[in-house]
Amino acid sequence: MKNHQNSIRIFQEAKELMPGGVNSPARAFLAVGTDPVVIDHAAGPYLFDVDNNQYIDYVLSWGPMILGHCDPVVTRALHEAVNRGTSYGAPTNDENRLAQLVRTLVPSVEKIRLVNSGTEATMSAVRLARGFTGRDKIVKFVGNYHGHSDSLLVAAGSAAATFSVPDSPGVTQANAADTICAPYNDEAFMTRLFAQFGSQIAGVIVEPVAGNMGCVPGSLSFLTTLRQLTAEHNALLIFDEVMSGFRVAPGGAQQRLGIQPDLTTFGKIIGGGLPVGAYGGRLDLMNAIIPVGKVYQAGTLSGNPLATAAGIATLQQLLTAGQPFYDSLTEKVQRLTTGFQQAAQAARIPLKVQSAGGMFTPFFLNETDQEVTSWDSAARCNTQRFAAFFRILLENGIYPPCSQFECWFLSSLHSDELIEKTIDVAALAFKQIS
């Protein structure tokens, strides 16, 4: 058994200082029935906790560390940036450089605005959609997470098209009333919805690869339908690529799909692991933002010189490496997911592993479930079995996401040897929980 004495002590102290002992709820490990390990440092594909236990990291700061932890190019860029100052609240040339890299990688982005988080990016994109169209209604999908702004933190109503109800105390009915929740991957539903409410809808926001109900890719037919419906009704299509952006392809999910949204939101990889977000899109839309237009959005630390330096260092490497980098990452994921699938089958564990580029999730199914295409199908997974699986992996030096409904991530530094070790530990876990 691993020693977790220091983690236990520090987490107990943290619970006296912060709600639940954490600054983001998933970190509390409540869904897996154990206390979190407290991280001391990271390097390459590894995390090290305060008790000096080593873990192969499949969280990677929830996606940003596609080059691994402490990438030398990113680290050098950060050191140089720190020596020039940590914040100016004024324009910098690095803002231009990062914006140009995004435009090069993602052709749908003609202009971009840097912000400080994915939540801020999606919130701002929704405000822009409403301000530009003069309409109030936004459509989101059950199981898609777009941060914790009030108008997007809502739950679904009934199976029919309904306006949503708040998903958290503090979110008012008034804020929720202009958000329509719809089932993911259901184009027939969306066709009916636009027939009823099309003239009121400002925009549709969607994760083209959902990552917060596990890895659930949007089907090409579903996302094509969204593009057609929004165009026909003069509404905006917003791709939330905070997670999938620069991870599933150089130009994100929209490149893989061949679908061009009106607006795209970014986070995670765009800042190389530092707190950052962005939203961008068509020229006419982005020129509606203050100070050119009238839609308000601002941020004291937006375009922070540390975040832009890390983002430039990361995106420049991805641009230089090009598609072969992503082909290699996808091949690694496929090798790992195939190994999981085969080991689960040998242990008679119903498992469905879904992936997109450098993202994947092993879903612990009930016997009758075959595919995970929406929140309804994801919610039927065996979360108790996943929790047992998680605890065995953690004890054996593998650090997976602490929920059945979160995505796993690979970096370019996850070697074949580490992948084989992970498969071996997973096979052990499957046997123990079968």
Protein backbone atom coordinates (compact mmCIF):
# COMPACT_ATOMS: atom_id res chain seq x y z
CA MET A 1 0.00 0.00 0.00
CA LYS A 2 1.22 3.47 -0.83
CA ASN A 3 1.92 5.88 1.99
CA HIS A 4 -0.46 8.87 1.87
CA GLN A 5 0.24 10.30 5.32
CA ASN A 6 1.19 13.79 4.13
CA SER A 7 -1.69 13.97 1.64
CA ILE A 8 -4.14 13.06 4.40
CA ARG A 9 -2.72 15.69 6.75
CA ILE A 10 -2.68 18.46 4.15
CA PHE A 11 -6.18 17.68 2.89
CA GLN A 12 -7.59 17.70 6.43
CA GLU A 13 -6.06 21.15 6.90
CA ALA A 14 -7.41 22.27 3.54
CA LYS A 15 -10.97 21.40 4.58
CA GLU A 16 -10.68 23.98 7.35
CA LEU A 17 -9.52 26.61 4.85
CA MET A 18 -11.51 26.01 1.64
CA PRO A 19 -14.99 24.61 0.90
CA GLY A 20 -14.52 20.86 0.73
CA GLY A 21 -10.78 21.43 0.92
CA VAL A 22 -10.55 22.26 -2.78
CA ASN A 23 -10.75 25.13 -5.25
CA SER A 24 -12.64 23.09 -7.87
CA PRO A 25 -15.13 20.40 -6.85
CA ALA A 26 -13.89 17.40 -8.85
CA ARG A 27 -10.59 17.54 -6.97
CA ALA A 28 -12.33 16.39 -3.77
CA PHE A 29 -12.57 12.80 -5.18
CA LEU A 30 -16.11 12.44 -3.79
CA ALA A 31 -17.26 10.40 -6.81
CA VAL A 32 -14.64 7.71 -6.19
CA GLY A 33 -15.00 7.29 -2.44
CA THR A 34 -11.54 8.29 -1.30
CA ASP A 35 -9.55 11.36 -0.32
CA PRO A 36 -7.44 13.10 -2.96
CA VAL A 37 -3.69 12.82 -3.15
CA VAL A 38 -1.97 16.18 -2.82
CA ILE A 39 0.44 16.91 -5.67
CA ASP A 40 3.89 18.30 -5.04
CA HIS A 41 5.32 18.51 -8.58
CA ALA A 42 5.14 17.10 -12.09
CA ALA A 43 7.53 16.17 -14.88
CA GLY A 44 6.86 14.82 -18.35
CA PRO A 45 4.03 12.26 -18.13
CA TYR A 46 4.28 11.95 -14.34
CA LEU A 47 2.81 13.48 -11.20
CA PHE A 48 4.50 13.22 -7.79
CA ASP A 49 2.53 13.67 -4.58
CA VAL A 50 3.67 15.09 -1.24
CA ASP A 51 4.52 11.56 -0.05
CA ASN A 52 6.83 11.12 -3.08
CA ASN A 53 4.54 8.63 -4.81
CA GLN A 54 4.85 8.67 -8.60
CA TYR A 55 1.85 8.42 -10.97
CA ILE A 56 1.46 8.15 -14.73
CA ASP A 57 -0.78 11.14 -15.35
CA TYR A 58 -3.90 10.78 -17.51
CA VAL A 59 -5.50 14.01 -16.30
CA LEU A 60 -2.77 16.40 -17.49
CA SER A 61 -4.36 19.36 -15.70
CA TRP A 62 -7.66 18.33 -17.38
CA GLY A 63 -6.15 18.52 -20.86
CA PRO A 64 -3.70 21.41 -21.31
CA MET A 65 -0.43 19.50 -20.93
CA ILE A 66 -0.41 17.94 -24.39
CA LEU A 67 3.41 18.25 -24.49
CA GLY A 68 3.75 16.82 -20.99
CA HIS A 69 4.58 18.65 -17.78
CA CYS A 70 7.51 21.07 -17.68
CA ASP A 71 8.06 21.07 -21.42
CA PRO A 72 11.48 22.76 -21.77
CA VAL A 73 10.40 25.18 -24.51
CA VAL A 74 7.35 26.31 -22.53
CA THR A 75 9.35 26.51 -19.30
CA ARG A 76 12.06 28.62 -20.93
CA ALA A 77 9.45 30.97 -22.40
CA LEU A 78 7.86 31.40 -18.97
CA HIS A 79 11.19 32.16 -17.29
CA GLU A 80 11.93 34.81 -19.90
CA ALA A 81 8.46 36.30 -19.51
CA VAL A 82 8.68 36.45 -15.70
CA ASN A 83 11.90 38.40 -15.97
CA ARG A 84 10.09 41.03 -18.06
CA GLY A 85 7.18 41.43 -15.62
CA THR A 86 4.10 39.40 -14.72
CA SER A 87 1.28 41.78 -15.69
CA TYR A 88 0.96 45.13 -17.43
CA GLY A 89 -2.71 45.74 -18.11
CA ALA A 90 -1.61 47.09 -21.48
CA PRO A 91 -1.14 45.80 -25.05
CA THR A 92 1.79 43.50 -25.81
CA ASN A 93 3.21 42.05 -29.00
CA ASP A 94 2.81 38.52 -27.60
CA GLU A 95 -0.97 39.02 -27.71
CA ASN A 96 -0.60 39.57 -31.46
CA ARG A 97 1.63 36.52 -31.82
CA LEU A 98 -0.78 34.22 -29.98
CA ALA A 99 -3.77 35.57 -31.92
CA GLN A 100 -1.96 35.00 -35.22
CA LEU A 101 -1.10 31.41 -34.26
CA VAL A 102 -4.75 30.70 -33.51
CA ARG A 103 -5.84 32.25 -36.80
CA THR A 104 -3.30 30.11 -38.64
CA LEU A 105 -4.44 26.90 -36.96
CA VAL A 106 -8.19 27.62 -36.94
CA PRO A 107 -9.33 29.31 -40.18
CA SER A 108 -12.85 30.06 -38.87
CA VAL A 109 -11.27 32.54 -36.42
CA GLU A 110 -10.77 35.87 -38.18
CA LYS A 111 -10.45 37.85 -34.95
CA ILE A 112 -10.02 36.72 -31.35
CA ARG A 113 -10.40 38.14 -27.85
CA LEU A 114 -8.26 36.71 -25.04
CA VAL A 115 -9.83 36.19 -21.63
CA ASN A 116 -8.84 34.34 -18.46
CA SER A 117 -10.77 31.06 -18.41
CA GLY A 118 -13.01 28.78 -20.44
CA THR A 119 -15.99 29.92 -18.37
CA GLU A 120 -15.26 33.53 -19.26
CA ALA A 121 -14.87 32.62 -22.93
CA THR A 122 -18.21 30.81 -23.21
CA MET A 123 -20.02 33.46 -21.17
CA SER A 124 -18.67 36.17 -23.46
CA ALA A 125 -19.47 34.24 -26.64
CA VAL A 126 -23.07 33.78 -25.51
CA ARG A 127 -23.39 37.50 -24.73
CA LEU A 128 -21.97 38.30 -28.16
CA ALA A 129 -24.47 35.97 -29.84
CA ARG A 130 -27.35 37.68 -28.06
CA GLY A 131 -26.00 41.15 -28.68
CA PHE A 132 -25.34 40.54 -32.35
CA THR A 133 -28.65 38.86 -33.18
CA GLY A 134 -30.88 40.87 -30.86
CA ARG A 135 -32.40 37.58 -29.64
CA ASP A 136 -32.48 36.09 -26.15
CA LYS A 137 -32.62 32.31 -26.38
CA ILE A 138 -29.52 30.09 -26.26
CA VAL A 139 -29.60 26.34 -26.88
CA LYS A 140 -27.23 24.08 -24.97
CA PHE A 141 -27.09 20.30 -24.68
CA VAL A 142 -27.58 18.07 -21.68
CA GLY A 143 -24.20 16.74 -20.61
CA ASN A 144 -22.26 19.55 -22.29
CA TYR A 145 -20.46 21.71 -19.75
CA HIS A 146 -19.60 25.28 -20.69
CA GLY A 147 -18.37 26.62 -17.38
CA HIS A 148 -20.34 27.97 -14.47
CA SER A 149 -21.85 31.21 -15.75
CA ASP A 150 -25.49 31.51 -14.73
CA SER A 151 -27.15 31.18 -18.13
CA LEU A 152 -25.24 27.96 -18.92
CA LEU A 153 -25.39 26.27 -15.50
CA VAL A 154 -28.80 24.76 -16.02
CA ALA A 155 -30.35 21.29 -16.14
CA ALA A 156 -32.73 19.83 -18.69
CA GLY A 157 -36.48 20.04 -18.32
CA SER A 158 -38.76 17.30 -19.62
CA ALA A 159 -38.11 15.19 -22.69
CA ALA A 160 -40.00 17.72 -24.78
CA ALA A 161 -38.46 21.06 -25.71
CA THR A 162 -38.55 23.06 -22.50
CA PHE A 163 -36.88 26.04 -21.03
CA SER A 164 -34.47 24.95 -18.35
CA VAL A 165 -34.43 25.13 -14.60
CA PRO A 166 -31.45 26.24 -12.53
CA ASP A 167 -28.84 23.57 -11.79
CA SER A 168 -27.44 25.36 -8.74
CA PRO A 169 -28.77 27.53 -5.92
CA GLY A 170 -27.97 31.13 -6.77
CA VAL A 171 -28.87 30.75 -10.44
CA THR A 172 -32.17 32.55 -10.82
CA GLN A 173 -35.17 31.39 -12.80
CA ALA A 174 -34.79 34.55 -14.88
CA ASN A 175 -31.24 33.60 -15.88
CA ALA A 176 -32.25 30.04 -16.71
CA ALA A 177 -35.40 31.00 -18.60
CA ASP A 178 -33.57 32.04 -21.76
CA THR A 179 -31.59 28.78 -22.01
CA ILE A 180 -33.09 25.81 -23.81
CA CYS A 181 -31.64 22.38 -23.00
CA ALA A 182 -31.73 19.72 -25.69
CA PRO A 183 -30.50 16.11 -25.96
CA TYR A 184 -27.03 15.67 -27.45
CA ASN A 185 -26.67 13.87 -30.79
CA ASP A 186 -30.39 14.16 -31.61
CA GLU A 187 -30.84 16.01 -34.91
CA ALA A 188 -34.57 15.21 -35.14
CA PHE A 189 -35.14 16.97 -31.83
CA MET A 190 -33.19 20.00 -33.01
CA THR A 191 -35.20 20.20 -36.24
CA ARG A 192 -38.43 20.29 -34.22
CA LEU A 193 -36.94 22.79 -31.78
CA PHE A 194 -35.97 25.26 -34.51
CA ALA A 195 -39.37 24.86 -36.15
CA GLN A 196 -40.92 26.02 -32.88
CA PHE A 197 -38.44 28.57 -31.55
CA GLY A 198 -36.13 29.41 -34.49
CA SER A 199 -36.93 33.10 -34.63
CA GLN A 200 -36.08 33.47 -30.91
CA ILE A 201 -32.78 31.59 -30.86
CA ALA A 202 -29.61 33.70 -30.78
CA GLY A 203 -27.25 30.78 -30.90
CA VAL A 204 -26.49 27.14 -30.23
CA ILE A 205 -23.46 26.31 -28.09
CA VAL A 206 -22.11 22.78 -28.31
CA GLU A 207 -19.05 20.73 -27.45
CA PRO A 208 -18.26 19.04 -30.79
CA VAL A 209 -16.51 16.43 -28.66
CA ALA A 210 -18.20 16.34 -25.29
CA GLY A 211 -15.75 15.81 -22.46
CA ASN A 212 -17.75 16.33 -19.30
CA MET A 213 -19.97 13.27 -19.54
CA GLY A 214 -16.92 11.31 -20.56
CA CYS A 215 -15.63 11.42 -24.12
CA VAL A 216 -18.74 11.49 -26.30
CA PRO A 217 -18.08 12.74 -29.85
CA GLY A 218 -20.84 14.57 -31.64
CA SER A 219 -21.85 12.67 -34.75
CA LEU A 220 -21.14 14.26 -38.11
CA SER A 221 -24.85 14.17 -39.01
CA PHE A 222 -25.81 15.87 -35.73
CA LEU A 223 -23.25 18.65 -36.01
CA THR A 224 -23.97 19.15 -39.71
CA THR A 225 -27.64 19.54 -38.83
CA LEU A 226 -26.75 22.20 -36.25
CA ARG A 227 -24.75 24.08 -38.89
CA GLN A 228 -27.65 23.93 -41.36
CA LEU A 229 -30.35 24.89 -38.86
CA THR A 230 -28.48 27.85 -37.39
CA ALA A 231 -27.66 29.17 -40.87
CA GLU A 232 -31.27 28.82 -42.04
CA HIS A 233 -32.62 30.68 -38.99
CA ASN A 234 -29.90 33.37 -38.77
CA ALA A 235 -28.71 32.04 -35.43
CA LEU A 236 -25.05 31.53 -34.50
CA LEU A 237 -23.28 28.22 -34.08
CA ILE A 238 -20.77 28.30 -31.23
CA PHE A 239 -18.27 25.45 -30.91
CA ASP A 240 -16.96 25.10 -27.39
CA GLU A 241 -13.46 23.80 -28.08
CA VAL A 242 -12.06 24.60 -24.66
CA MET A 243 -11.25 20.90 -24.34
CA SER A 244 -11.03 19.67 -27.94
CA GLY A 245 -9.23 22.71 -29.35
CA PHE A 246 -5.68 21.86 -30.49
CA ARG A 247 -6.07 18.40 -28.88
CA VAL A 248 -7.99 16.30 -31.41
CA ALA A 249 -6.40 17.97 -34.47
CA PRO A 250 -4.25 21.05 -35.16
CA GLY A 251 -7.42 23.03 -35.90
CA GLY A 252 -9.56 21.27 -33.31
CA ALA A 253 -12.71 19.24 -33.81
CA GLN A 254 -13.96 21.61 -36.50
CA GLN A 255 -11.00 20.63 -38.68
CA ARG A 256 -11.69 16.91 -38.18
CA LEU A 257 -15.37 17.41 -38.99
CA GLY A 258 -15.04 19.90 -41.81
CA ILE A 259 -17.63 22.16 -40.16
CA GLN A 260 -17.00 25.88 -39.69
CA PRO A 261 -18.77 27.47 -36.71
CA ASP A 262 -19.51 31.17 -36.38
CA LEU A 263 -17.75 31.44 -33.01
CA THR A 264 -15.30 29.20 -31.18
CA THR A 265 -14.29 29.24 -27.54
CA PHE A 266 -10.86 28.10 -26.38
CA GLY A 267 -9.04 27.34 -23.13
CA LYS A 268 -6.59 24.83 -21.67
CA ILE A 269 -4.01 24.16 -24.45
CA ILE A 270 -4.22 27.74 -25.77
CA GLY A 271 -2.46 28.85 -22.57
CA GLY A 272 0.04 26.01 -22.27
CA GLY A 273 -1.24 25.16 -18.80
CA LEU A 274 -1.68 28.70 -17.47
CA PRO A 275 -5.10 30.27 -16.71
CA VAL A 276 -6.39 31.54 -20.04
CA GLY A 277 -9.34 31.42 -22.41
CA ALA A 278 -10.37 33.01 -25.67
CA TYR A 279 -13.26 33.36 -28.07
CA GLY A 280 -13.07 34.18 -31.74
CA GLY A 281 -14.82 33.92 -35.06
CA ARG A 282 -16.16 35.83 -38.01
CA LEU A 283 -14.99 39.39 -38.53
CA ASP A 284 -18.44 40.96 -38.41
CA LEU A 285 -19.22 39.19 -35.13
CA MET A 286 -15.98 40.08 -33.40
CA ASN A 287 -16.26 43.70 -34.54
CA ALA A 288 -19.47 43.93 -32.51
CA ILE A 289 -17.35 43.81 -29.32
CA ILE A 290 -16.37 46.99 -27.50
CA PRO A 291 -14.40 49.20 -28.27
CA VAL A 292 -15.29 48.69 -31.96
CA GLY A 293 -18.89 47.68 -31.31
CA LYS A 294 -21.29 47.82 -28.37
CA VAL A 295 -21.18 44.34 -26.78
CA TYR A 296 -19.30 44.78 -23.52
CA GLN A 297 -16.50 42.53 -22.26
CA ALA A 298 -13.28 43.38 -20.43
CA GLY A 299 -10.62 41.84 -18.19
CA THR A 300 -7.75 43.25 -16.17
CA LEU A 301 -5.52 40.21 -16.70
CA SER A 302 -6.70 39.31 -20.21
CA GLY A 303 -3.71 38.70 -22.46
CA ASN A 304 -1.50 38.21 -19.42
CA PRO A 305 2.17 38.05 -20.53
CA LEU A 306 2.85 34.74 -18.77
CA ALA A 307 -0.19 33.04 -20.28
CA THR A 308 0.54 34.36 -23.76
CA ALA A 309 4.18 33.27 -23.53
CA ALA A 310 3.17 29.71 -22.55
CA GLY A 311 0.48 29.65 -25.21
CA ILE A 312 2.83 30.80 -27.96
CA ALA A 313 5.47 28.24 -26.94
CA THR A 314 2.87 25.45 -26.99
CA LEU A 315 0.99 26.34 -30.17
CA GLN A 316 4.17 27.05 -32.11
CA GLN A 317 5.42 23.54 -31.36
CA LEU A 318 2.08 22.04 -32.38
CA LEU A 319 2.05 24.08 -35.59
CA THR A 320 5.58 22.98 -36.44
CA ALA A 321 4.88 19.31 -35.66
CA GLY A 322 1.66 19.38 -37.69
CA GLN A 323 -0.63 16.46 -38.42
CA PRO A 324 2.00 13.73 -37.74
CA PHE A 325 2.00 14.79 -34.08
CA TYR A 326 -1.76 14.19 -33.87
CA ASP A 327 -1.56 10.94 -35.82
CA SER A 328 0.96 9.68 -33.28
CA LEU A 329 -1.17 10.84 -30.35
CA THR A 330 -4.25 9.16 -31.81
CA GLU A 331 -2.29 5.94 -32.37
CA LYS A 332 -1.20 5.95 -28.71
CA VAL A 333 -4.80 6.42 -27.58
CA GLN A 334 -5.99 3.61 -29.82
CA ARG A 335 -3.30 1.27 -28.49
CA LEU A 336 -4.34 2.06 -24.93
CA THR A 337 -8.07 1.82 -25.53
CA THR A 338 -7.71 -1.48 -27.42
CA GLY A 339 -5.73 -2.85 -24.51
CA PHE A 340 -8.41 -1.74 -22.05
CA GLN A 341 -11.16 -3.24 -24.19
CA GLN A 342 -9.42 -6.60 -24.52
CA ALA A 343 -8.54 -6.81 -20.83
CA ALA A 344 -12.09 -5.94 -19.81
CA GLN A 345 -13.50 -8.55 -22.17
CA ALA A 346 -11.19 -11.19 -20.70
CA ALA A 347 -12.50 -10.30 -17.22
CA ARG A 348 -16.12 -10.26 -18.48
CA ILE A 349 -16.47 -6.57 -17.61
CA PRO A 350 -18.89 -4.71 -19.94
CA LEU A 351 -16.79 -1.78 -21.15
CA LYS A 352 -17.02 0.70 -23.99
CA VAL A 353 -13.96 2.88 -24.61
CA GLN A 354 -14.66 5.98 -26.70
CA SER A 355 -12.03 8.35 -28.02
CA ALA A 356 -11.32 11.37 -30.21
CA GLY A 357 -7.71 12.25 -30.94
CA GLY A 358 -5.91 12.64 -27.62
CA MET A 359 -9.09 12.22 -25.53
CA PHE A 360 -10.76 9.02 -24.34
CA THR A 361 -13.00 7.50 -21.67
CA PRO A 362 -13.60 3.90 -20.56
CA PHE A 363 -17.33 3.63 -19.83
CA PHE A 364 -18.35 0.87 -17.41
CA LEU A 365 -21.61 -0.23 -18.97
CA ASN A 366 -24.56 -2.15 -17.70
CA GLU A 367 -25.17 -5.33 -19.66
CA THR A 368 -27.78 -3.88 -22.04
CA ASP A 369 -25.93 -0.67 -22.92
CA GLN A 370 -23.88 -0.72 -26.11
CA GLU A 371 -23.14 2.91 -27.03
CA VAL A 372 -22.71 6.16 -25.14
CA THR A 373 -24.05 8.98 -27.31
CA SER A 374 -25.76 11.30 -24.83
CA TRP A 375 -26.09 12.12 -21.16
CA ASP A 376 -28.95 9.65 -20.76
CA SER A 377 -26.78 6.75 -21.93
CA ALA A 378 -23.72 7.96 -19.99
CA ALA A 379 -25.75 8.29 -16.78
CA ARG A 380 -26.63 4.57 -16.93
CA CYS A 381 -22.99 3.58 -16.46
CA ASN A 382 -21.86 1.64 -13.41
CA THR A 383 -20.24 4.39 -11.36
CA GLN A 384 -19.52 2.11 -8.40
CA ARG A 385 -17.47 -0.20 -10.60
CA PHE A 386 -15.62 2.80 -12.03
CA ALA A 387 -14.84 4.04 -8.50
CA ALA A 388 -13.36 0.66 -7.56
CA PHE A 389 -11.35 0.66 -10.81
CA PHE A 390 -10.08 4.17 -10.05
CA ARG A 391 -8.89 3.27 -6.56
CA ILE A 392 -6.95 0.24 -7.80
CA LEU A 393 -5.27 2.26 -10.55
CA LEU A 394 -4.32 5.04 -8.15
CA GLU A 395 -2.82 2.58 -5.68
CA ASN A 396 -0.77 1.11 -8.53
CA GLY A 397 0.71 4.37 -9.79
CA ILE A 398 -1.85 5.43 -12.41
CA TYR A 399 -3.59 8.82 -12.02
CA PRO A 400 -6.90 8.78 -13.93
CA PRO A 401 -9.75 11.33 -13.80
CA CYS A 402 -11.72 10.96 -10.59
CA SER A 403 -15.14 10.49 -12.22
CA GLN A 404 -16.75 8.18 -14.74
CA PHE A 405 -17.94 11.33 -16.47
CA GLU A 406 -14.59 12.98 -17.10
CA CYS A 407 -12.22 12.63 -20.04
CA TRP A 408 -8.78 11.00 -19.94
CA PHE A 409 -5.91 12.69 -21.80
CA LEU A 410 -2.60 11.62 -23.30
CA SER A 411 0.51 13.66 -23.92
CA SER A 412 3.20 13.16 -26.51
CA LEU A 413 5.46 11.88 -23.70
CA HIS A 414 3.31 8.86 -22.84
CA SER A 415 5.62 6.18 -24.21
CA ASP A 416 4.72 2.69 -25.42
CA GLU A 417 6.23 1.33 -22.20
CA LEU A 418 3.95 3.51 -20.05
CA ILE A 419 0.93 2.58 -22.13
CA GLU A 420 1.70 -1.13 -21.68
CA LYS A 421 2.16 -0.65 -17.95
CA THR A 422 -1.21 1.12 -17.77
CA ILE A 423 -2.91 -1.70 -19.66
CA ASP A 424 -1.35 -4.25 -17.27
CA VAL A 425 -2.62 -2.35 -14.21
CA ALA A 426 -6.06 -1.98 -15.78
CA ALA A 427 -6.17 -5.73 -16.49
CA LEU A 428 -5.37 -6.38 -12.81
CA ALA A 429 -8.13 -3.99 -11.79
CA PHE A 430 -10.69 -5.58 -14.12
CA LYS A 431 -9.98 -9.01 -12.59
CA GLN A 432 -10.37 -7.66 -9.05
CA ILE A 433 -13.71 -5.95 -9.71
CA SER A 434 -15.30 -8.57 -11.97
